[in-house]
N, C-alpha and C. Protein backbone atom coordinates (compact mmCIF):
# COMPACT_ATOMS: atom_id res chain seq x y z
N MET A 1 96.55 108.91 111.69
CA MET A 1 97.58 109.38 110.78
C MET A 1 98.60 108.29 110.49
N SER A 2 98.92 107.45 111.47
CA SER A 2 99.91 106.41 111.20
C SER A 2 99.38 105.40 110.19
N ILE A 3 98.04 105.33 110.05
CA ILE A 3 97.45 104.43 109.06
C ILE A 3 97.90 104.83 107.66
N TYR A 4 97.97 106.13 107.41
CA TYR A 4 98.43 106.62 106.11
C TYR A 4 99.83 106.08 105.82
N PHE A 5 100.74 106.21 106.76
CA PHE A 5 102.12 105.76 106.55
C PHE A 5 102.18 104.25 106.39
N ARG A 6 101.39 103.54 107.15
CA ARG A 6 101.39 102.08 107.04
C ARG A 6 100.85 101.63 105.67
N ASN A 7 99.84 102.31 105.16
CA ASN A 7 99.33 101.99 103.83
C ASN A 7 100.38 102.27 102.76
N GLN A 8 101.09 103.37 102.89
CA GLN A 8 102.15 103.69 101.94
C GLN A 8 103.22 102.59 101.96
N LEU A 9 103.57 102.11 103.13
CA LEU A 9 104.58 101.05 103.24
C LEU A 9 104.07 99.74 102.67
N ARG A 10 102.78 99.45 102.84
CA ARG A 10 102.21 98.24 102.23
C ARG A 10 102.36 98.29 100.72
N GLY A 11 102.08 99.45 100.15
CA GLY A 11 102.23 99.61 98.70
C GLY A 11 103.67 99.45 98.26
N CYS A 12 104.59 100.04 99.02
CA CYS A 12 106.02 99.92 98.69
C CYS A 12 106.48 98.48 98.74
N ASN A 13 106.01 97.74 99.72
CA ASN A 13 106.41 96.35 99.88
C ASN A 13 106.07 95.55 98.62
N VAL A 14 104.86 95.73 98.13
CA VAL A 14 104.41 95.00 96.94
C VAL A 14 105.22 95.43 95.71
N VAL A 15 105.40 96.73 95.54
CA VAL A 15 106.11 97.24 94.37
C VAL A 15 107.57 96.82 94.39
N LEU A 16 108.21 96.89 95.55
CA LEU A 16 109.62 96.50 95.62
C LEU A 16 109.81 95.03 95.26
N ALA A 17 108.94 94.17 95.77
CA ALA A 17 109.03 92.74 95.43
C ALA A 17 108.85 92.54 93.93
N THR A 18 107.93 93.26 93.36
CA THR A 18 107.67 93.16 91.92
C THR A 18 108.87 93.64 91.12
N LEU A 19 109.42 94.79 91.48
CA LEU A 19 110.56 95.34 90.75
C LEU A 19 111.79 94.45 90.90
N GLN A 20 111.97 93.85 92.08
CA GLN A 20 113.09 92.93 92.26
C GLN A 20 112.98 91.74 91.31
N ALA A 21 111.78 91.20 91.19
CA ALA A 21 111.58 90.06 90.28
C ALA A 21 111.85 90.48 88.84
N PHE A 22 111.37 91.66 88.45
CA PHE A 22 111.59 92.13 87.08
C PHE A 22 113.08 92.35 86.81
N SER A 23 113.81 92.81 87.81
CA SER A 23 115.23 93.12 87.61
C SER A 23 116.07 91.86 87.41
N GLU A 24 115.53 90.73 87.82
CA GLU A 24 116.26 89.49 87.66
C GLU A 24 116.01 88.82 86.32
N ASP A 25 115.08 89.36 85.55
CA ASP A 25 114.75 88.69 84.32
C ASP A 25 114.33 89.66 83.23
N ILE A 26 113.06 89.83 83.05
CA ILE A 26 112.48 90.42 81.86
C ILE A 26 112.81 91.90 81.65
N CYS A 27 112.94 92.66 82.72
CA CYS A 27 113.07 94.11 82.57
C CYS A 27 114.45 94.66 82.94
N ARG A 28 115.42 93.82 83.08
CA ARG A 28 116.74 94.24 83.57
C ARG A 28 117.35 95.38 82.75
N LYS A 29 117.16 95.37 81.45
CA LYS A 29 117.75 96.40 80.58
C LYS A 29 116.76 97.50 80.23
N CYS A 30 115.61 97.51 80.88
CA CYS A 30 114.55 98.44 80.49
C CYS A 30 114.61 99.74 81.28
N ILE A 31 114.46 100.83 80.59
CA ILE A 31 114.47 102.14 81.23
C ILE A 31 113.23 102.32 82.11
N GLY A 32 112.16 101.58 81.83
CA GLY A 32 110.97 101.63 82.67
C GLY A 32 111.27 101.16 84.08
N LEU A 33 112.08 100.11 84.22
CA LEU A 33 112.48 99.61 85.53
C LEU A 33 113.32 100.65 86.25
N SER A 34 114.23 101.25 85.53
CA SER A 34 115.08 102.28 86.12
C SER A 34 114.23 103.45 86.63
N GLY A 35 113.28 103.87 85.83
CA GLY A 35 112.41 104.98 86.23
C GLY A 35 111.53 104.62 87.42
N ALA A 36 111.00 103.40 87.42
CA ALA A 36 110.15 102.96 88.53
C ALA A 36 110.95 102.89 89.82
N ARG A 37 112.16 102.36 89.73
CA ARG A 37 113.04 102.29 90.90
C ARG A 37 113.32 103.68 91.45
N THR A 38 113.64 104.62 90.57
CA THR A 38 113.92 106.00 90.99
C THR A 38 112.69 106.62 91.64
N LYS A 39 111.53 106.35 91.09
CA LYS A 39 110.30 106.92 91.63
C LYS A 39 110.01 106.37 93.03
N VAL A 40 110.27 105.09 93.25
CA VAL A 40 110.06 104.49 94.57
C VAL A 40 111.04 105.10 95.57
N ILE A 41 112.30 105.26 95.18
CA ILE A 41 113.30 105.84 96.08
C ILE A 41 112.90 107.27 96.46
N LYS A 42 112.49 108.06 95.49
CA LYS A 42 112.06 109.43 95.78
C LYS A 42 110.81 109.44 96.65
N GLY A 43 109.90 108.51 96.39
CA GLY A 43 108.69 108.41 97.19
C GLY A 43 108.99 108.08 98.65
N LEU A 44 109.97 107.21 98.86
CA LEU A 44 110.36 106.86 100.22
C LEU A 44 111.00 108.05 100.94
N LYS A 45 111.79 108.84 100.21
CA LYS A 45 112.39 110.04 100.81
C LYS A 45 111.30 111.03 101.20
N LYS A 46 110.31 111.20 100.33
CA LYS A 46 109.21 112.11 100.64
C LYS A 46 108.39 111.59 101.81
N LEU A 47 108.17 110.29 101.85
CA LEU A 47 107.42 109.69 102.94
C LEU A 47 108.13 109.93 104.28
N ARG A 48 109.45 109.82 104.26
CA ARG A 48 110.23 110.07 105.49
C ARG A 48 110.10 111.54 105.92
N MET A 49 110.17 112.45 104.97
CA MET A 49 110.02 113.87 105.31
C MET A 49 108.62 114.14 105.87
N ASP A 50 107.60 113.55 105.24
CA ASP A 50 106.24 113.72 105.74
C ASP A 50 106.10 113.14 107.15
N LEU A 51 106.75 112.01 107.37
CA LEU A 51 106.72 111.38 108.69
C LEU A 51 107.35 112.29 109.73
N ASP A 52 108.50 112.85 109.41
CA ASP A 52 109.20 113.74 110.35
C ASP A 52 108.36 114.95 110.71
N GLU A 53 107.55 115.43 109.77
CA GLU A 53 106.72 116.61 110.00
C GLU A 53 105.36 116.27 110.62
N SER A 54 105.04 114.98 110.71
CA SER A 54 103.72 114.58 111.22
C SER A 54 103.66 114.69 112.74
N SER A 55 102.43 114.61 113.24
CA SER A 55 102.21 114.73 114.68
C SER A 55 101.95 113.38 115.36
N ILE A 56 102.29 112.29 114.69
CA ILE A 56 102.05 110.98 115.30
C ILE A 56 103.07 110.74 116.42
N PRO A 57 102.77 109.85 117.36
CA PRO A 57 103.67 109.60 118.49
C PRO A 57 105.06 109.16 118.03
N GLU A 58 106.06 109.54 118.80
CA GLU A 58 107.46 109.26 118.45
C GLU A 58 107.74 107.77 118.33
N ASP A 59 107.11 106.96 119.17
CA ASP A 59 107.32 105.50 119.08
C ASP A 59 106.85 104.96 117.73
N ASP A 60 105.71 105.45 117.26
CA ASP A 60 105.21 105.04 115.95
C ASP A 60 106.14 105.51 114.85
N LYS A 61 106.64 106.73 115.00
CA LYS A 61 107.58 107.27 114.00
C LYS A 61 108.82 106.39 113.89
N LYS A 62 109.35 105.98 115.03
CA LYS A 62 110.56 105.14 115.02
C LYS A 62 110.31 103.84 114.28
N GLU A 63 109.17 103.23 114.56
CA GLU A 63 108.83 101.95 113.90
C GLU A 63 108.69 102.14 112.38
N ILE A 64 108.02 103.20 111.99
CA ILE A 64 107.80 103.45 110.57
C ILE A 64 109.12 103.81 109.89
N ARG A 65 109.99 104.57 110.57
CA ARG A 65 111.31 104.93 110.00
C ARG A 65 112.13 103.68 109.70
N VAL A 66 112.06 102.70 110.58
CA VAL A 66 112.80 101.45 110.37
C VAL A 66 112.36 100.81 109.05
N HIS A 67 111.06 100.78 108.81
CA HIS A 67 110.54 100.20 107.56
C HIS A 67 110.95 101.04 106.35
N ILE A 68 110.86 102.35 106.48
CA ILE A 68 111.24 103.22 105.36
C ILE A 68 112.71 103.01 105.01
N ASP A 69 113.57 102.96 106.04
CA ASP A 69 115.00 102.75 105.79
C ASP A 69 115.26 101.38 105.17
N SER A 70 114.56 100.38 105.65
CA SER A 70 114.72 99.03 105.11
C SER A 70 114.30 98.98 103.64
N TYR A 71 113.17 99.59 103.32
CA TYR A 71 112.69 99.60 101.95
C TYR A 71 113.61 100.42 101.06
N GLY A 72 114.19 101.48 101.61
CA GLY A 72 115.15 102.27 100.85
C GLY A 72 116.37 101.46 100.46
N LYS A 73 116.86 100.64 101.39
CA LYS A 73 118.01 99.77 101.11
C LYS A 73 117.65 98.75 100.03
N ILE A 74 116.46 98.18 100.14
CA ILE A 74 116.02 97.21 99.14
C ILE A 74 115.93 97.86 97.76
N ALA A 75 115.34 99.05 97.71
CA ALA A 75 115.19 99.75 96.43
C ALA A 75 116.55 100.04 95.80
N ASN A 76 117.51 100.39 96.62
CA ASN A 76 118.85 100.69 96.09
C ASN A 76 119.59 99.45 95.61
N THR A 77 119.15 98.27 96.05
CA THR A 77 119.82 97.05 95.59
C THR A 77 119.20 96.46 94.33
N ILE A 78 118.08 97.03 93.87
CA ILE A 78 117.47 96.54 92.64
C ILE A 78 118.43 96.82 91.49
N GLU A 79 118.82 95.76 90.82
CA GLU A 79 119.82 95.89 89.77
C GLU A 79 119.19 96.30 88.45
N VAL A 80 119.81 97.32 87.86
CA VAL A 80 119.41 97.82 86.55
C VAL A 80 120.69 97.93 85.73
N GLU A 81 120.61 97.56 84.48
CA GLU A 81 121.79 97.67 83.61
C GLU A 81 122.25 99.13 83.52
N GLU A 82 123.54 99.33 83.36
CA GLU A 82 124.10 100.68 83.25
C GLU A 82 123.45 101.47 82.12
N GLU A 83 123.38 100.86 80.96
CA GLU A 83 122.78 101.55 79.82
C GLU A 83 121.42 100.94 79.54
N CYS A 84 120.39 101.69 79.91
CA CYS A 84 119.02 101.24 79.74
C CYS A 84 118.38 101.95 78.56
N GLU A 85 117.42 101.27 77.96
CA GLU A 85 116.60 101.89 76.93
C GLU A 85 115.25 101.19 76.93
N CYS A 86 114.29 101.82 76.32
CA CYS A 86 112.96 101.22 76.25
C CYS A 86 113.04 99.97 75.39
N GLN A 87 112.72 98.85 76.00
CA GLN A 87 112.82 97.57 75.29
C GLN A 87 111.72 97.42 74.24
N LYS A 88 110.64 98.17 74.38
CA LYS A 88 109.59 98.15 73.35
C LYS A 88 110.08 98.85 72.09
N THR A 89 110.75 99.98 72.29
CA THR A 89 111.26 100.75 71.16
C THR A 89 112.27 99.94 70.35
N THR A 90 113.07 99.13 71.05
CA THR A 90 114.08 98.33 70.38
C THR A 90 113.54 96.97 69.92
N ASN A 91 112.24 96.76 70.09
CA ASN A 91 111.57 95.50 69.73
C ASN A 91 112.11 94.29 70.48
N ASN A 92 112.60 94.50 71.69
CA ASN A 92 113.08 93.39 72.51
C ASN A 92 112.06 92.93 73.54
N CYS A 93 111.05 93.75 73.80
CA CYS A 93 110.05 93.44 74.82
C CYS A 93 109.02 92.49 74.25
N LYS A 94 108.75 91.43 74.97
CA LYS A 94 107.82 90.40 74.49
C LYS A 94 106.54 90.34 75.29
N ILE A 95 106.30 91.29 76.21
CA ILE A 95 105.16 91.16 77.10
C ILE A 95 103.88 91.78 76.58
N GLY A 96 103.93 92.53 75.53
CA GLY A 96 102.73 93.15 75.01
C GLY A 96 102.79 94.67 75.09
N PRO A 97 101.63 95.32 75.04
CA PRO A 97 101.61 96.78 74.93
C PRO A 97 101.97 97.53 76.21
N GLY A 98 101.81 96.91 77.39
CA GLY A 98 102.07 97.61 78.65
C GLY A 98 103.50 97.51 79.09
N CYS A 99 103.85 98.28 80.10
CA CYS A 99 105.18 98.21 80.71
C CYS A 99 104.99 97.65 82.12
N LEU A 100 105.58 96.51 82.40
CA LEU A 100 105.40 95.86 83.69
C LEU A 100 105.91 96.72 84.84
N ALA A 101 107.09 97.31 84.67
CA ALA A 101 107.68 98.10 85.76
C ALA A 101 106.82 99.31 86.09
N LEU A 102 106.37 100.01 85.08
CA LEU A 102 105.53 101.18 85.34
C LEU A 102 104.15 100.76 85.83
N GLY A 103 103.68 99.61 85.40
CA GLY A 103 102.42 99.09 85.90
C GLY A 103 102.48 98.76 87.39
N ALA A 104 103.66 98.37 87.86
CA ALA A 104 103.83 98.10 89.29
C ALA A 104 103.56 99.35 90.11
N LEU A 105 103.93 100.50 89.59
CA LEU A 105 103.66 101.76 90.30
C LEU A 105 102.16 102.02 90.38
N GLU A 106 101.43 101.62 89.36
CA GLU A 106 99.97 101.77 89.39
C GLU A 106 99.36 100.87 90.46
N ILE A 107 99.95 99.69 90.63
CA ILE A 107 99.47 98.79 91.68
C ILE A 107 99.63 99.47 93.04
N MET A 108 100.76 100.16 93.22
CA MET A 108 101.00 100.86 94.48
C MET A 108 99.90 101.89 94.74
N ASN A 109 99.50 102.61 93.71
CA ASN A 109 98.43 103.60 93.86
C ASN A 109 97.13 102.94 94.28
N GLU A 110 96.85 101.77 93.72
CA GLU A 110 95.62 101.06 94.08
C GLU A 110 95.64 100.62 95.55
N ILE A 111 96.82 100.27 96.04
CA ILE A 111 96.95 99.82 97.43
C ILE A 111 96.90 101.00 98.40
N THR A 112 97.57 102.08 98.05
CA THR A 112 97.73 103.18 98.99
C THR A 112 96.58 104.17 99.01
N GLN A 113 95.77 104.19 97.98
CA GLN A 113 94.65 105.13 97.95
C GLN A 113 93.40 104.44 98.45
N PRO A 114 92.71 105.07 99.38
CA PRO A 114 91.47 104.46 99.87
C PRO A 114 90.47 104.26 98.73
N ALA A 115 89.58 103.31 98.90
CA ALA A 115 88.62 102.96 97.85
C ALA A 115 87.77 104.14 97.43
N PHE A 116 87.40 105.00 98.37
CA PHE A 116 86.54 106.12 97.99
C PHE A 116 87.24 107.07 97.03
N LYS A 117 88.55 107.12 97.06
CA LYS A 117 89.26 107.98 96.10
C LYS A 117 89.05 107.47 94.68
N ALA A 118 89.13 106.16 94.50
CA ALA A 118 88.92 105.59 93.17
C ALA A 118 87.48 105.85 92.71
N GLU A 119 86.53 105.70 93.65
CA GLU A 119 85.14 105.97 93.30
C GLU A 119 84.95 107.44 92.96
N GLU A 120 85.62 108.31 93.70
CA GLU A 120 85.54 109.75 93.45
C GLU A 120 86.06 110.07 92.05
N LYS A 121 87.15 109.44 91.66
CA LYS A 121 87.70 109.66 90.33
C LYS A 121 86.70 109.24 89.25
N GLU A 122 86.01 108.13 89.47
CA GLU A 122 85.02 107.66 88.52
C GLU A 122 83.86 108.65 88.41
N VAL A 123 83.42 109.17 89.55
CA VAL A 123 82.33 110.15 89.56
C VAL A 123 82.74 111.39 88.78
N ILE A 124 83.95 111.86 89.01
CA ILE A 124 84.45 113.04 88.30
C ILE A 124 84.52 112.77 86.80
N LYS A 125 84.99 111.59 86.44
CA LYS A 125 85.10 111.23 85.02
C LYS A 125 83.73 111.23 84.36
N VAL A 126 82.75 110.64 85.01
CA VAL A 126 81.39 110.59 84.46
C VAL A 126 80.81 112.01 84.38
N ALA A 127 81.07 112.82 85.42
CA ALA A 127 80.57 114.20 85.42
C ALA A 127 81.16 114.99 84.26
N LYS A 128 82.43 114.80 83.98
CA LYS A 128 83.07 115.50 82.86
C LYS A 128 82.45 115.07 81.54
N LEU A 129 82.19 113.78 81.40
CA LEU A 129 81.57 113.29 80.17
C LEU A 129 80.18 113.89 79.99
N LEU A 130 79.43 113.96 81.09
CA LEU A 130 78.09 114.55 81.02
C LEU A 130 78.17 116.02 80.65
N CYS A 131 79.12 116.74 81.23
CA CYS A 131 79.27 118.16 80.92
C CYS A 131 79.66 118.37 79.46
N GLU A 132 80.50 117.49 78.93
CA GLU A 132 80.88 117.59 77.53
C GLU A 132 79.67 117.37 76.63
N LYS A 133 78.83 116.39 76.97
CA LYS A 133 77.65 116.09 76.18
C LYS A 133 76.65 117.25 76.22
N CYS A 134 76.53 117.86 77.40
CA CYS A 134 75.57 118.95 77.56
C CYS A 134 76.12 120.28 77.05
N GLY A 135 77.41 120.33 76.81
CA GLY A 135 78.03 121.56 76.35
C GLY A 135 78.26 122.57 77.46
N ALA A 136 78.29 122.12 78.71
CA ALA A 136 78.51 123.02 79.84
C ALA A 136 79.93 123.58 79.77
N GLU A 137 80.06 124.85 80.08
CA GLU A 137 81.37 125.49 80.03
C GLU A 137 81.97 125.67 81.41
N GLU A 138 81.22 125.37 82.46
CA GLU A 138 81.73 125.48 83.82
C GLU A 138 82.54 124.25 84.16
N GLU A 139 83.44 124.42 85.16
CA GLU A 139 84.23 123.28 85.62
C GLU A 139 83.32 122.28 86.33
N VAL A 140 83.76 121.04 86.35
CA VAL A 140 83.03 119.98 87.06
C VAL A 140 83.14 120.27 88.55
N PRO A 141 82.02 120.21 89.27
CA PRO A 141 82.08 120.48 90.71
C PRO A 141 82.89 119.41 91.43
N VAL A 142 83.53 119.82 92.53
CA VAL A 142 84.33 118.89 93.34
C VAL A 142 83.38 118.01 94.13
N VAL A 143 83.67 116.72 94.16
CA VAL A 143 82.83 115.77 94.88
C VAL A 143 83.43 115.57 96.26
N HIS A 144 82.61 115.70 97.29
CA HIS A 144 83.08 115.47 98.68
C HIS A 144 82.37 114.29 99.28
């Protein structure tokens, strides 16, 4: 069980470093950065609640809490302009069609979700496509 929490922290570490870099330059005035920062902070709060309710040994909990608290402090120091707006909408964003800050959250999902989950999603996607082609009206079966 502590592996789950450690994987979540690995993902947070990468995302926080990414968001910190964005806040110093390209995305400082972007609402995407503000939203990503808020999502990380809420995720850390939920992770702490899940940790408190878990059955892992207390020593492991203490160690993980230290990291959660540290990451929470880092997330709160990420600077975002007071008045944010989508920089793409205002034609100020020069990076292309994607949003870097929101993309960082996707990176976290790739880190924190085991590989079989991604494979499972692909299987479900292919199954849905097959069902659409065949005209099946039943739901796609759950893959275990």
